[in-house]
Amino acid sequence: MLVSLFFAAAVGIGFYAHPAQRTVYVSDPAARSAAERSGVDIVDMKNGSLGVVDINSASASELTSLSDIGEVKAAAIVELRDEVGGFKSPEDLLCVSGIGTGTLDAIRDFVTVR
């Protein structure tokens, strides 16, 4: 009962954390801000693509939620994105230092370009 009340309250204010993971499913900007301060992975529910990260707008923190992408690769993605003005396709990630075909294959279903 208490868990159900907590879940209902968390959903009501715009976010909840899956109990087995450190992922927050975000539905509004205020909840996103609170989630970012707590240091958990964030998945945006507004765009209807739960679990998909837009590599042209994701922060380095959001990029680290992807398999095989740590802080160094995430920073390299952001740096290259800023240099070239954005990616045209997920395959452009192959231009990022440290990302090869294996890494791209592992994350391909979880990234998008908008």
Protein backbone atom coordinates (compact mmCIF):
# COMPACT_ATOMS: atom_id res chain seq x y z
CA MET A 1 0.00 0.00 0.00
CA LEU A 2 2.74 2.46 0.95
CA VAL A 3 4.65 1.66 -2.24
CA SER A 4 1.51 2.26 -4.30
CA LEU A 5 0.98 5.63 -2.63
CA PHE A 6 4.61 6.61 -3.24
CA PHE A 7 4.38 5.55 -6.88
CA ALA A 8 1.14 7.48 -7.39
CA ALA A 9 2.65 10.59 -5.79
CA ALA A 10 5.85 10.31 -7.84
CA VAL A 11 3.94 9.88 -11.09
CA GLY A 12 1.69 12.78 -10.11
CA ILE A 13 4.64 15.15 -9.80
CA GLY A 14 6.14 14.01 -13.07
CA PHE A 15 8.80 11.40 -12.44
CA TYR A 16 9.44 8.01 -10.94
CA ALA A 17 12.44 5.73 -10.62
CA HIS A 18 12.27 2.11 -11.67
CA PRO A 19 13.09 0.19 -8.47
CA ALA A 20 15.63 -2.15 -10.11
CA GLN A 21 17.48 0.59 -11.97
CA ARG A 22 18.77 4.09 -11.42
CA THR A 23 16.72 5.47 -14.30
CA VAL A 24 14.17 8.24 -13.97
CA TYR A 25 11.37 8.46 -16.49
CA VAL A 26 10.69 12.17 -16.95
CA SER A 27 7.46 13.76 -18.12
CA ASP A 28 7.94 17.46 -17.42
CA PRO A 29 10.77 20.02 -17.19
CA ALA A 30 10.55 20.54 -13.42
CA ALA A 31 10.89 16.82 -12.80
CA ARG A 32 13.77 16.66 -15.29
CA SER A 33 15.64 19.34 -13.35
CA ALA A 34 15.12 17.49 -10.07
CA ALA A 35 16.24 14.21 -11.65
CA GLU A 36 19.40 15.78 -13.11
CA ARG A 37 20.38 17.08 -9.66
CA SER A 38 19.98 13.59 -8.18
CA GLY A 39 22.57 12.07 -10.56
CA VAL A 40 20.44 9.32 -12.11
CA ASP A 41 19.99 8.41 -15.75
CA ILE A 42 17.11 10.21 -17.44
CA VAL A 43 14.72 8.97 -20.09
CA ASP A 44 12.37 11.47 -21.70
CA MET A 45 8.73 10.33 -21.95
CA LYS A 46 7.41 13.46 -23.70
CA ASN A 47 8.66 12.57 -27.15
CA GLY A 48 7.01 9.15 -27.13
CA SER A 49 10.30 7.35 -27.64
CA LEU A 50 10.99 5.92 -24.21
CA GLY A 51 14.59 4.75 -23.99
CA VAL A 52 15.81 6.53 -27.13
CA VAL A 53 18.43 9.26 -26.79
CA ASP A 54 18.66 12.09 -29.33
CA ILE A 55 22.39 12.42 -29.87
CA ASN A 56 21.95 15.98 -31.15
CA SER A 57 20.40 17.29 -27.95
CA ALA A 58 21.42 14.89 -25.16
CA SER A 59 23.74 16.08 -22.43
CA ALA A 60 26.90 14.14 -21.64
CA SER A 61 25.08 12.76 -18.59
CA GLU A 62 22.23 11.46 -20.73
CA LEU A 63 24.65 9.92 -23.21
CA THR A 64 26.30 7.88 -20.46
CA SER A 65 23.02 6.02 -20.00
CA LEU A 66 23.82 4.26 -23.28
CA SER A 67 25.61 0.91 -23.20
CA ASP A 68 29.38 1.23 -23.78
CA ILE A 69 29.30 5.04 -23.45
CA GLY A 70 31.17 6.33 -20.44
CA GLU A 71 32.03 9.88 -19.44
CA VAL A 72 35.00 10.15 -21.84
CA LYS A 73 33.07 8.97 -24.92
CA ALA A 74 30.05 11.09 -23.95
CA ALA A 75 32.26 14.17 -23.71
CA ALA A 76 33.80 13.31 -27.10
CA ILE A 77 30.31 13.00 -28.64
CA VAL A 78 29.27 16.41 -27.29
CA GLU A 79 32.55 17.99 -28.42
CA LEU A 80 32.29 16.64 -31.98
CA ARG A 81 28.58 17.52 -32.15
CA ASP A 82 29.40 21.11 -31.19
CA GLU A 83 32.25 21.28 -33.73
CA VAL A 84 30.27 19.97 -36.71
CA GLY A 85 26.89 21.49 -35.82
CA GLY A 86 25.11 18.21 -35.13
CA PHE A 87 24.91 14.70 -36.48
CA LYS A 88 22.95 13.71 -39.59
CA SER A 89 22.62 10.02 -38.67
CA PRO A 90 23.66 7.63 -35.88
CA GLU A 91 26.44 6.38 -38.18
CA ASP A 92 28.15 9.77 -37.74
CA LEU A 93 29.10 8.53 -34.26
CA LEU A 94 31.81 6.47 -36.00
CA CYS A 95 33.71 9.77 -36.36
CA VAL A 96 33.93 10.06 -32.57
CA SER A 97 37.23 8.91 -31.10
CA GLY A 98 36.73 5.61 -29.28
CA ILE A 99 33.49 4.62 -31.02
CA GLY A 100 33.74 1.81 -33.52
CA THR A 101 31.27 -0.44 -35.26
CA GLY A 102 30.87 -2.65 -32.17
CA THR A 103 29.85 0.26 -29.97
CA LEU A 104 27.56 1.66 -32.67
CA ASP A 105 25.89 -1.74 -33.09
CA ALA A 106 25.34 -1.93 -29.31
CA ILE A 107 23.61 1.45 -29.12
CA ARG A 108 22.02 1.80 -32.58
CA ASP A 109 18.51 0.89 -31.37
CA PHE A 110 18.75 3.38 -28.51
CA VAL A 111 19.85 6.52 -30.37
CA THR A 112 18.15 8.84 -32.79
CA VAL A 113 18.89 12.07 -34.64
CA ARG A 114 16.25 14.80 -34.67
